[in-house]
């Protein structure tokens, strides 16, 4: 495992643990700022899925390659967003839900 993969794995594991601790549940109530708990729960679930997918890419040896064009994501992008799946060029052409 490369140094970049190792750093990313550590950051992603920490992020996954923080998200799991912060998960508000799927209740029908509102948070103190008026946001429905279900909306926050969905967002946290999506973030957890992205983190888990990045950890899977590290394990598979494909971490750091764009899921669209196969090119490198770039060190700065990986350090800023270790769960990133697309390079800057491809991320601008893809819908936000991909």
PDB file of N, CA and C in Angstrom:
ATOM      1  N   UNK A   1       0.852  -1.172   0.000  1.00  0.00           N
ATOM      2  CA  UNK A   1       0.000   0.000   0.000  1.00  0.00           C
ATOM      3  C   UNK A   1       0.900   1.237   0.000  1.00  0.00           C
ATOM      4  N   UNK A   2       0.603   2.165  -0.897  1.00  0.00           N
ATOM      5  CA  UNK A   2       1.415   3.374  -0.988  1.00  0.00           C
ATOM      6  C   UNK A   2       1.157   4.292   0.211  1.00  0.00           C
ATOM      7  N   UNK A   3       2.029   5.254   0.372  1.00  0.00           N
ATOM      8  CA  UNK A   3       1.874   6.231   1.460  1.00  0.00           C
ATOM      9  C   UNK A   3       0.560   6.994   1.311  1.00  0.00           C
ATOM     10  N   UNK A   4       0.206   7.356   0.079  1.00  0.00           N
ATOM     11  CA  UNK A   4      -1.042   8.077  -0.181  1.00  0.00           C
ATOM     12  C   UNK A   4      -2.235   7.211   0.206  1.00  0.00           C
ATOM     13  N   UNK A   5      -2.203   5.937  -0.198  1.00  0.00           N
ATOM     14  CA  UNK A   5      -3.282   5.015   0.152  1.00  0.00           C
ATOM     15  C   UNK A   5      -3.394   4.874   1.669  1.00  0.00           C
ATOM     16  N   UNK A   6      -2.258   4.764   2.331  1.00  0.00           N
ATOM     17  CA  UNK A   6      -2.239   4.605   3.780  1.00  0.00           C
ATOM     18  C   UNK A   6      -2.808   5.837   4.486  1.00  0.00           C
ATOM     19  N   UNK A   7      -2.392   7.020   4.036  1.00  0.00           N
ATOM     20  CA  UNK A   7      -2.919   8.267   4.616  1.00  0.00           C
ATOM     21  C   UNK A   7      -4.420   8.368   4.388  1.00  0.00           C
ATOM     22  N   UNK A   8      -4.849   8.075   3.170  1.00  0.00           N
ATOM     23  CA  UNK A   8      -6.267   8.158   2.834  1.00  0.00           C
ATOM     24  C   UNK A   8      -7.071   7.155   3.656  1.00  0.00           C
ATOM     25  N   UNK A   9      -6.563   5.944   3.786  1.00  0.00           N
ATOM     26  CA  UNK A   9      -7.262   4.921   4.552  1.00  0.00           C
ATOM     27  C   UNK A   9      -7.467   5.379   5.993  1.00  0.00           C
ATOM     28  N   UNK A  10      -6.436   5.944   6.592  1.00  0.00           N
ATOM     29  CA  UNK A  10      -6.537   6.436   7.966  1.00  0.00           C
ATOM     30  C   UNK A  10      -7.589   7.545   8.077  1.00  0.00           C
ATOM     31  N   UNK A  11      -7.528   8.504   7.155  1.00  0.00           N
ATOM     32  CA  UNK A  11      -8.514   9.601   7.157  1.00  0.00           C
ATOM     33  C   UNK A  11      -9.937   9.077   6.946  1.00  0.00           C
ATOM     34  N   UNK A  12     -10.081   8.132   6.022  1.00  0.00           N
ATOM     35  CA  UNK A  12     -11.408   7.592   5.721  1.00  0.00           C
ATOM     36  C   UNK A  12     -11.963   6.793   6.891  1.00  0.00           C
ATOM     37  N   UNK A  13     -11.125   6.022   7.563  1.00  0.00           N
ATOM     38  CA  UNK A  13     -11.593   5.274   8.730  1.00  0.00           C
ATOM     39  C   UNK A  13     -12.027   6.216   9.852  1.00  0.00           C
ATOM     40  N   UNK A  14     -11.265   7.291  10.065  1.00  0.00           N
ATOM     41  CA  UNK A  14     -11.642   8.294  11.068  1.00  0.00           C
ATOM     42  C   UNK A  14     -12.963   8.957  10.684  1.00  0.00           C
ATOM     43  N   UNK A  15     -13.111   9.294   9.408  1.00  0.00           N
ATOM     44  CA  UNK A  15     -14.343   9.938   8.935  1.00  0.00           C
ATOM     45  C   UNK A  15     -15.539   9.006   9.089  1.00  0.00           C
ATOM     46  N   UNK A  16     -15.349   7.725   8.755  1.00  0.00           N
ATOM     47  CA  UNK A  16     -16.439   6.757   8.885  1.00  0.00           C
ATOM     48  C   UNK A  16     -16.881   6.651  10.340  1.00  0.00           C
ATOM     49  N   UNK A  17     -15.932   6.589  11.259  1.00  0.00           N
ATOM     50  CA  UNK A  17     -16.275   6.496  12.684  1.00  0.00           C
ATOM     51  C   UNK A  17     -17.022   7.745  13.148  1.00  0.00           C
ATOM     52  N   UNK A  18     -16.566   8.926  12.717  1.00  0.00           N
ATOM     53  CA  UNK A  18     -17.238  10.168  13.094  1.00  0.00           C
ATOM     54  C   UNK A  18     -18.661  10.220  12.542  1.00  0.00           C
ATOM     55  N   UNK A  19     -18.846   9.785  11.304  1.00  0.00           N
ATOM     56  CA  UNK A  19     -20.180   9.774  10.710  1.00  0.00           C
ATOM     57  C   UNK A  19     -21.098   8.802  11.436  1.00  0.00           C
ATOM     58  N   UNK A  20     -20.575   7.654  11.795  1.00  0.00           N
ATOM     59  CA  UNK A  20     -21.402   6.675  12.516  1.00  0.00           C
ATOM     60  C   UNK A  20     -21.821   7.198  13.886  1.00  0.00           C
ATOM     61  N   UNK A  21     -20.919   7.897  14.563  1.00  0.00           N
ATOM     62  CA  UNK A  21     -21.261   8.474  15.878  1.00  0.00           C
ATOM     63  C   UNK A  21     -22.283   9.595  15.745  1.00  0.00           C
ATOM     64  N   UNK A  22     -22.205  10.351  14.663  1.00  0.00           N
ATOM     65  CA  UNK A  22     -23.070  11.518  14.481  1.00  0.00           C
ATOM     66  C   UNK A  22     -24.399  11.177  13.835  1.00  0.00           C
ATOM     67  N   UNK A  23     -24.572   9.953  13.356  1.00  0.00           N
ATOM     68  CA  UNK A  23     -25.804   9.583  12.628  1.00  0.00           C
ATOM     69  C   UNK A  23     -27.016   9.837  13.512  1.00  0.00           C
ATOM     70  N   UNK A  24     -27.944  10.707  13.066  1.00  0.00           N
ATOM     71  CA  UNK A  24     -29.085  11.100  13.892  1.00  0.00           C
ATOM     72  C   UNK A  24     -30.225  10.093  13.916  1.00  0.00           C
ATOM     73  N   UNK A  25     -30.180   9.050  13.145  1.00  0.00           N
ATOM     74  CA  UNK A  25     -31.299   8.112  13.087  1.00  0.00           C
ATOM     75  C   UNK A  25     -32.287   8.535  12.020  1.00  0.00           C
ATOM     76  N   UNK A  26     -33.359   7.802  11.896  1.00  0.00           N
ATOM     77  CA  UNK A  26     -34.330   8.053  10.834  1.00  0.00           C
ATOM     78  C   UNK A  26     -35.672   8.548  11.363  1.00  0.00           C
ATOM     79  N   UNK A  27     -35.658   9.213  12.482  1.00  0.00           N
ATOM     80  CA  UNK A  27     -36.911   9.682  13.065  1.00  0.00           C
ATOM     81  C   UNK A  27     -37.577  10.770  12.251  1.00  0.00           C
ATOM     82  N   UNK A  28     -38.807  11.091  12.596  1.00  0.00           N
ATOM     83  CA  UNK A  28     -39.562  12.097  11.861  1.00  0.00           C
ATOM     84  C   UNK A  28     -39.477  13.478  12.475  1.00  0.00           C
ATOM     85  N   UNK A  29     -38.637  13.674  13.471  1.00  0.00           N
ATOM     86  CA  UNK A  29     -38.568  14.954  14.159  1.00  0.00           C
ATOM     87  C   UNK A  29     -37.632  15.931  13.444  1.00  0.00           C
ATOM     88  N   UNK A  30     -37.546  17.110  13.990  1.00  0.00           N
ATOM     89  CA  UNK A  30     -36.688  18.160  13.440  1.00  0.00           C
ATOM     90  C   UNK A  30     -35.494  18.382  14.351  1.00  0.00           C
ATOM     91  N   UNK A  31     -34.377  18.760  13.759  1.00  0.00           N
ATOM     92  CA  UNK A  31     -33.228  19.163  14.543  1.00  0.00           C
ATOM     93  C   UNK A  31     -33.475  20.568  15.072  1.00  0.00           C
ATOM     94  N   UNK A  32     -32.606  21.055  15.932  1.00  0.00           N
ATOM     95  CA  UNK A  32     -32.804  22.365  16.548  1.00  0.00           C
ATOM     96  C   UNK A  32     -32.872  23.492  15.526  1.00  0.00           C
ATOM     97  N   UNK A  33     -32.261  23.316  14.353  1.00  0.00           N
ATOM     98  CA  UNK A  33     -32.293  24.362  13.328  1.00  0.00           C
ATOM     99  C   UNK A  33     -33.439  24.171  12.339  1.00  0.00           C
ATOM    100  N   UNK A  34     -34.357  23.231  12.617  1.00  0.00           N
ATOM    101  CA  UNK A  34     -35.530  23.036  11.780  1.00  0.00           C
ATOM    102  C   UNK A  34     -35.351  22.069  10.622  1.00  0.00           C
ATOM    103  N   UNK A  35     -34.185  21.491  10.476  1.00  0.00           N
ATOM    104  CA  UNK A  35     -33.950  20.536   9.395  1.00  0.00           C
ATOM    105  C   UNK A  35     -34.501  19.181   9.832  1.00  0.00           C
ATOM    106  N   UNK A  36     -35.271  18.521   8.974  1.00  0.00           N
ATOM    107  CA  UNK A  36     -35.793  17.201   9.328  1.00  0.00           C
ATOM    108  C   UNK A  36     -34.658  16.195   9.562  1.00  0.00           C
ATOM    109  N   UNK A  37     -34.782  15.402  10.602  1.00  0.00           N
ATOM    110  CA  UNK A  37     -33.776  14.399  10.930  1.00  0.00           C
ATOM    111  C   UNK A  37     -33.563  13.450   9.758  1.00  0.00           C
ATOM    112  N   UNK A  38     -34.625  13.097   9.045  1.00  0.00           N
ATOM    113  CA  UNK A  38     -34.515  12.168   7.923  1.00  0.00           C
ATOM    114  C   UNK A  38     -33.608  12.715   6.822  1.00  0.00           C
ATOM    115  N   UNK A  39     -33.624  14.024   6.600  1.00  0.00           N
ATOM    116  CA  UNK A  39     -32.766  14.633   5.580  1.00  0.00           C
ATOM    117  C   UNK A  39     -31.302  14.484   5.976  1.00  0.00           C
ATOM    118  N   UNK A  40     -31.004  14.752   7.231  1.00  0.00           N
ATOM    119  CA  UNK A  40     -29.633  14.620   7.713  1.00  0.00           C
ATOM    120  C   UNK A  40     -29.207  13.154   7.689  1.00  0.00           C
ATOM    121  N   UNK A  41     -30.102  12.258   8.069  1.00  0.00           N
ATOM    122  CA  UNK A  41     -29.791  10.828   8.064  1.00  0.00           C
ATOM    123  C   UNK A  41     -29.465  10.352   6.649  1.00  0.00           C
ATOM    124  N   UNK A  42     -30.206  10.821   5.664  1.00  0.00           N
ATOM    125  CA  UNK A  42     -29.928  10.453   4.274  1.00  0.00           C
ATOM    126  C   UNK A  42     -28.560  10.964   3.829  1.00  0.00           C
ATOM    127  N   UNK A  43     -28.242  12.193   4.198  1.00  0.00           N
ATOM    128  CA  UNK A  43     -26.959  12.776   3.824  1.00  0.00           C
ATOM    129  C   UNK A  43     -25.811  12.001   4.475  1.00  0.00           C
ATOM    130  N   UNK A  44     -25.956  11.665   5.742  1.00  0.00           N
ATOM    131  CA  UNK A  44     -24.921  10.905   6.439  1.00  0.00           C
ATOM    132  C   UNK A  44     -24.767   9.523   5.815  1.00  0.00           C
ATOM    133  N   UNK A  45     -25.883   8.892   5.455  1.00  0.00           N
ATOM    134  CA  UNK A  45     -25.834   7.571   4.816  1.00  0.00           C
ATOM    135  C   UNK A  45     -25.100   7.643   3.473  1.00  0.00           C
ATOM    136  N   UNK A  46     -25.332   8.705   2.696  1.00  0.00           N
ATOM    137  CA  UNK A  46     -24.626   8.865   1.421  1.00  0.00           C
ATOM    138  C   UNK A  46     -23.127   9.055   1.650  1.00  0.00           C
ATOM    139  N   UNK A  47     -22.780   9.876   2.651  1.00  0.00           N
ATOM    140  CA  UNK A  47     -21.360  10.096   2.951  1.00  0.00           C
ATOM    141  C   UNK A  47     -20.695   8.806   3.408  1.00  0.00           C
ATOM    142  N   UNK A  48     -21.384   8.023   4.232  1.00  0.00           N
ATOM    143  CA  UNK A  48     -20.842   6.737   4.670  1.00  0.00           C
ATOM    144  C   UNK A  48     -20.609   5.812   3.479  1.00  0.00           C
ATOM    145  N   UNK A  49     -21.539   5.808   2.545  1.00  0.00           N
ATOM    146  CA  UNK A  49     -21.399   4.972   1.348  1.00  0.00           C
ATOM    147  C   UNK A  49     -20.182   5.406   0.525  1.00  0.00           C
ATOM    148  N   UNK A  50     -19.949   6.706   0.391  1.00  0.00           N
ATOM    149  CA  UNK A  50     -18.792   7.215  -0.346  1.00  0.00           C
ATOM    150  C   UNK A  50     -17.481   6.819   0.345  1.00  0.00           C
ATOM    151  N   UNK A  51     -17.463   6.921   1.671  1.00  0.00           N
ATOM    152  CA  UNK A  51     -16.273   6.542   2.432  1.00  0.00           C
ATOM    153  C   UNK A  51     -16.002   5.048   2.264  1.00  0.00           C
ATOM    154  N   UNK A  52     -17.051   4.227   2.407  1.00  0.00           N
ATOM    155  CA  UNK A  52     -16.885   2.780   2.252  1.00  0.00           C
ATOM    156  C   UNK A  52     -16.428   2.419   0.839  1.00  0.00           C
ATOM    157  N   UNK A  53     -16.949   3.106  -0.156  1.00  0.00           N
ATOM    158  CA  UNK A  53     -16.534   2.849  -1.545  1.00  0.00           C
ATOM    159  C   UNK A  53     -15.058   3.198  -1.734  1.00  0.00           C
ATOM    160  N   UNK A  54     -14.612   4.290  -1.142  1.00  0.00           N
ATOM    161  CA  UNK A  54     -13.197   4.673  -1.249  1.00  0.00           C
ATOM    162  C   UNK A  54     -12.311   3.643  -0.556  1.00  0.00           C
ATOM    163  N   UNK A  55     -12.734   3.151   0.606  1.00  0.00           N
ATOM    164  CA  UNK A  55     -11.975   2.110   1.294  1.00  0.00           C
ATOM    165  C   UNK A  55     -11.902   0.838   0.446  1.00  0.00           C
ATOM    166  N   UNK A  56     -12.979   0.532  -0.261  1.00  0.00           N
ATOM    167  CA  UNK A  56     -12.980  -0.633  -1.159  1.00  0.00           C
ATOM    168  C   UNK A  56     -12.015  -0.437  -2.318  1.00  0.00           C
ATOM    169  N   UNK A  57     -11.954   0.789  -2.850  1.00  0.00           N
ATOM    170  CA  UNK A  57     -11.014   1.070  -3.941  1.00  0.00           C
ATOM    171  C   UNK A  57      -9.569   0.934  -3.468  1.00  0.00           C
ATOM    172  N   UNK A  58      -9.300   1.347  -2.227  1.00  0.00           N
ATOM    173  CA  UNK A  58      -7.950   1.189  -1.675  1.00  0.00           C
ATOM    174  C   UNK A  58      -7.614  -0.300  -1.599  1.00  0.00           C
ATOM    175  N   UNK A  59      -8.544  -1.093  -1.062  1.00  0.00           N
ATOM    176  CA  UNK A  59      -8.317  -2.538  -0.927  1.00  0.00           C
ATOM    177  C   UNK A  59      -8.127  -3.210  -2.290  1.00  0.00           C
ATOM    178  N   UNK A  60      -8.830  -2.712  -3.301  1.00  0.00           N
ATOM    179  CA  UNK A  60      -8.755  -3.303  -4.641  1.00  0.00           C
ATOM    180  C   UNK A  60      -7.559  -2.798  -5.448  1.00  0.00           C
ATOM    181  N   UNK A  61      -6.881  -1.766  -4.929  1.00  0.00           N
ATOM    182  CA  UNK A  61      -5.730  -1.224  -5.642  1.00  0.00           C
ATOM    183  C   UNK A  61      -6.080  -0.226  -6.730  1.00  0.00           C
ATOM    184  N   UNK A  62      -7.319   0.239  -6.754  1.00  0.00           N
ATOM    185  CA  UNK A  62      -7.732   1.194  -7.790  1.00  0.00           C
ATOM    186  C   UNK A  62      -7.918   2.606  -7.254  1.00  0.00           C
ATOM    187  N   UNK A  63      -7.537   2.834  -6.007  1.00  0.00           N
ATOM    188  CA  UNK A  63      -7.695   4.152  -5.396  1.00  0.00           C
ATOM    189  C   UNK A  63      -6.804   5.165  -6.103  1.00  0.00           C
ATOM    190  N   UNK A  64      -7.345   6.351  -6.335  1.00  0.00           N
ATOM    191  CA  UNK A  64      -6.581   7.436  -6.948  1.00  0.00           C
ATOM    192  C   UNK A  64      -6.778   7.557  -8.437  1.00  0.00           C
ATOM    193  N   UNK A  65      -7.532   6.625  -9.025  1.00  0.00           N
ATOM    194  CA  UNK A  65      -7.831   6.684 -10.459  1.00  0.00           C
ATOM    195  C   UNK A  65      -9.272   7.144 -10.642  1.00  0.00           C
ATOM    196  N   UNK A  66      -9.497   8.004 -11.595  1.00  0.00           N
ATOM    197  CA  UNK A  66     -10.833   8.514 -11.890  1.00  0.00           C
ATOM    198  C   UNK A  66     -11.742   7.363 -12.325  1.00  0.00           C
ATOM    199  N   UNK A  67     -12.933   7.299 -11.759  1.00  0.00           N
ATOM    200  CA  UNK A  67     -13.898   6.251 -12.102  1.00  0.00           C
ATOM    201  C   UNK A  67     -14.480   6.439 -13.493  1.00  0.00           C
ATOM    202  N   UNK A  68     -14.275   7.594 -14.086  1.00  0.00           N
ATOM    203  CA  UNK A  68     -14.810   7.861 -15.415  1.00  0.00           C
ATOM    204  C   UNK A  68     -13.748   7.677 -16.504  1.00  0.00           C
ATOM    205  N   UNK A  69     -12.658   8.426 -16.407  1.00  0.00           N
ATOM    206  CA  UNK A  69     -11.653   8.396 -17.480  1.00  0.00           C
ATOM    207  C   UNK A  69     -10.451   7.521 -17.154  1.00  0.00           C
ATOM    208  N   UNK A  70     -10.292   7.122 -15.896  1.00  0.00           N
ATOM    209  CA  UNK A  70      -9.168   6.281 -15.497  1.00  0.00           C
ATOM    210  C   UNK A  70      -7.889   7.038 -15.195  1.00  0.00           C
ATOM    211  N   UNK A  71      -7.908   8.352 -15.418  1.00  0.00           N
ATOM    212  CA  UNK A  71      -6.725   9.172 -15.138  1.00  0.00           C
ATOM    213  C   UNK A  71      -6.532   9.398 -13.650  1.00  0.00           C
ATOM    214  N   UNK A  72      -5.396   9.970 -13.273  1.00  0.00           N
ATOM    215  CA  UNK A  72      -5.127  10.218 -11.854  1.00  0.00           C
ATOM    216  C   UNK A  72      -6.013  11.332 -11.308  1.00  0.00           C
ATOM    217  N   UNK A  73      -6.419  11.164 -10.044  1.00  0.00           N
ATOM    218  CA  UNK A  73      -7.222  12.205  -9.395  1.00  0.00           C
ATOM    219  C   UNK A  73      -6.366  13.376  -8.961  1.00  0.00           C
ATOM    220  N   UNK A  74      -5.138  13.146  -8.656  1.00  0.00           N
ATOM    221  CA  UNK A  74      -4.236  14.202  -8.209  1.00  0.00           C
ATOM    222  C   UNK A  74      -4.108  14.207  -6.698  1.00  0.00           C
ATOM    223  N   UNK A  75      -2.893  14.402  -6.237  1.00  0.00           N
ATOM    224  CA  UNK A  75      -2.589  14.355  -4.817  1.00  0.00           C
ATOM    225  C   UNK A  75      -3.374  15.387  -4.009  1.00  0.00           C
ATOM    226  N   UNK A  76      -3.441  16.620  -4.500  1.00  0.00           N
ATOM    227  CA  UNK A  76      -4.168  17.660  -3.752  1.00  0.00           C
ATOM    228  C   UNK A  76      -5.646  17.318  -3.623  1.00  0.00           C
ATOM    229  N   UNK A  77      -6.239  16.794  -4.682  1.00  0.00           N
ATOM    230  CA  UNK A  77      -7.659  16.418  -4.625  1.00  0.00           C
ATOM    231  C   UNK A  77      -7.871  15.290  -3.629  1.00  0.00           C
ATOM    232  N   UNK A  78      -7.005  14.287  -3.654  1.00  0.00           N
ATOM    233  CA  UNK A  78      -7.145  13.167  -2.729  1.00  0.00           C
ATOM    234  C   UNK A  78      -6.960  13.589  -1.285  1.00  0.00           C
ATOM    235  N   UNK A  79      -6.052  14.518  -1.057  1.00  0.00           N
ATOM    236  CA  UNK A  79      -5.858  14.997   0.320  1.00  0.00           C
ATOM    237  C   UNK A  79      -7.047  15.838   0.789  1.00  0.00           C
ATOM    238  N   UNK A  80      -7.641  16.598  -0.114  1.00  0.00           N
ATOM    239  CA  UNK A  80      -8.792  17.429   0.253  1.00  0.00           C
ATOM    240  C   UNK A  80     -10.069  16.606   0.378  1.00  0.00           C
ATOM    241  N   UNK A  81     -10.217  15.619  -0.506  1.00  0.00           N
ATOM    242  CA  UNK A  81     -11.426  14.782  -0.546  1.00  0.00           C
ATOM    243  C   UNK A  81     -11.004  13.329  -0.752  1.00  0.00           C
ATOM    244  N   UNK A  82     -10.600  12.635   0.295  1.00  0.00           N
ATOM    245  CA  UNK A  82     -10.107  11.274   0.106  1.00  0.00           C
ATOM    246  C   UNK A  82     -11.145  10.313  -0.473  1.00  0.00           C
ATOM    247  N   UNK A  83     -12.403  10.671  -0.414  1.00  0.00           N
ATOM    248  CA  UNK A  83     -13.455   9.813  -0.973  1.00  0.00           C
ATOM    249  C   UNK A  83     -13.778  10.130  -2.428  1.00  0.00           C
ATOM    250  N   UNK A  84     -13.074  11.088  -3.021  1.00  0.00           N
ATOM    251  CA  UNK A  84     -13.340  11.506  -4.401  1.00  0.00           C
ATOM    252  C   UNK A  84     -13.244  10.323  -5.357  1.00  0.00           C
ATOM    253  N   UNK A  85     -14.158  10.286  -6.333  1.00  0.00           N
ATOM    254  CA  UNK A  85     -14.168   9.222  -7.344  1.00  0.00           C
ATOM    255  C   UNK A  85     -13.774   9.721  -8.721  1.00  0.00           C
ATOM    256  N   UNK A  86     -13.887  11.031  -8.947  1.00  0.00           N
ATOM    257  CA  UNK A  86     -13.675  11.586 -10.283  1.00  0.00           C
ATOM    258  C   UNK A  86     -12.618  12.681 -10.250  1.00  0.00           C
ATOM    259  N   UNK A  87     -11.840  12.777 -11.325  1.00  0.00           N
ATOM    260  CA  UNK A  87     -10.880  13.870 -11.457  1.00  0.00           C
ATOM    261  C   UNK A  87     -11.653  15.180 -11.632  1.00  0.00           C
ATOM    262  N   UNK A  88     -10.952  16.292 -11.551  1.00  0.00           N
ATOM    263  CA  UNK A  88     -11.629  17.590 -11.680  1.00  0.00           C
ATOM    264  C   UNK A  88     -12.344  17.727 -13.019  1.00  0.00           C
ATOM    265  N   UNK A  89     -11.705  17.280 -14.086  1.00  0.00           N
ATOM    266  CA  UNK A  89     -12.314  17.385 -15.418  1.00  0.00           C
ATOM    267  C   UNK A  89     -13.603  16.599 -15.511  1.00  0.00           C
ATOM    268  N   UNK A  90     -13.600  15.388 -15.012  1.00  0.00           N
ATOM    269  CA  UNK A  90     -14.797  14.542 -15.108  1.00  0.00           C
ATOM    270  C   UNK A  90     -15.856  14.934 -14.088  1.00  0.00           C
ATOM    271  N   UNK A  91     -15.452  15.440 -12.937  1.00  0.00           N
ATOM    272  CA  UNK A  91     -16.442  15.792 -11.921  1.00  0.00           C
ATOM    273  C   UNK A  91     -17.304  16.961 -12.380  1.00  0.00           C
ATOM    274  N   UNK A  92     -16.756  17.819 -13.240  1.00  0.00           N
ATOM    275  CA  UNK A  92     -17.527  18.932 -13.760  1.00  0.00           C
ATOM    276  C   UNK A  92     -18.545  18.534 -14.820  1.00  0.00           C
ATOM    277  N   UNK A  93     -18.387  17.330 -15.365  1.00  0.00           N
ATOM    278  CA  UNK A  93     -19.299  16.847 -16.410  1.00  0.00           C
ATOM    279  C   UNK A  93     -20.313  15.853 -15.890  1.00  0.00           C
ATOM    280  N   UNK A  94     -20.210  15.448 -14.642  1.00  0.00           N
ATOM    281  CA  UNK A  94     -21.072  14.397 -14.107  1.00  0.00           C
ATOM    282  C   UNK A  94     -22.158  14.984 -13.214  1.00  0.00           C
ATOM    283  N   UNK A  95     -23.336  14.361 -13.214  1.00  0.00           N
ATOM    284  CA  UNK A  95     -24.375  14.794 -12.267  1.00  0.00           C
ATOM    285  C   UNK A  95     -23.910  14.585 -10.844  1.00  0.00           C
ATOM    286  N   UNK A  96     -24.403  15.372  -9.904  1.00  0.00           N
ATOM    287  CA  UNK A  96     -23.989  15.319  -8.510  1.00  0.00           C
ATOM    288  C   UNK A  96     -24.294  13.978  -7.855  1.00  0.00           C
ATOM    289  N   UNK A  97     -25.268  13.236  -8.352  1.00  0.00           N
ATOM    290  CA  UNK A  97     -25.659  11.970  -7.744  1.00  0.00           C
ATOM    291  C   UNK A  97     -24.753  10.806  -8.104  1.00  0.00           C
ATOM    292  N   UNK A  98     -23.824  10.982  -9.043  1.00  0.00           N
ATOM    293  CA  UNK A  98     -22.937   9.879  -9.438  1.00  0.00           C
ATOM    294  C   UNK A  98     -21.855   9.643  -8.422  1.00  0.00           C
TER     295      UNK A  98
END
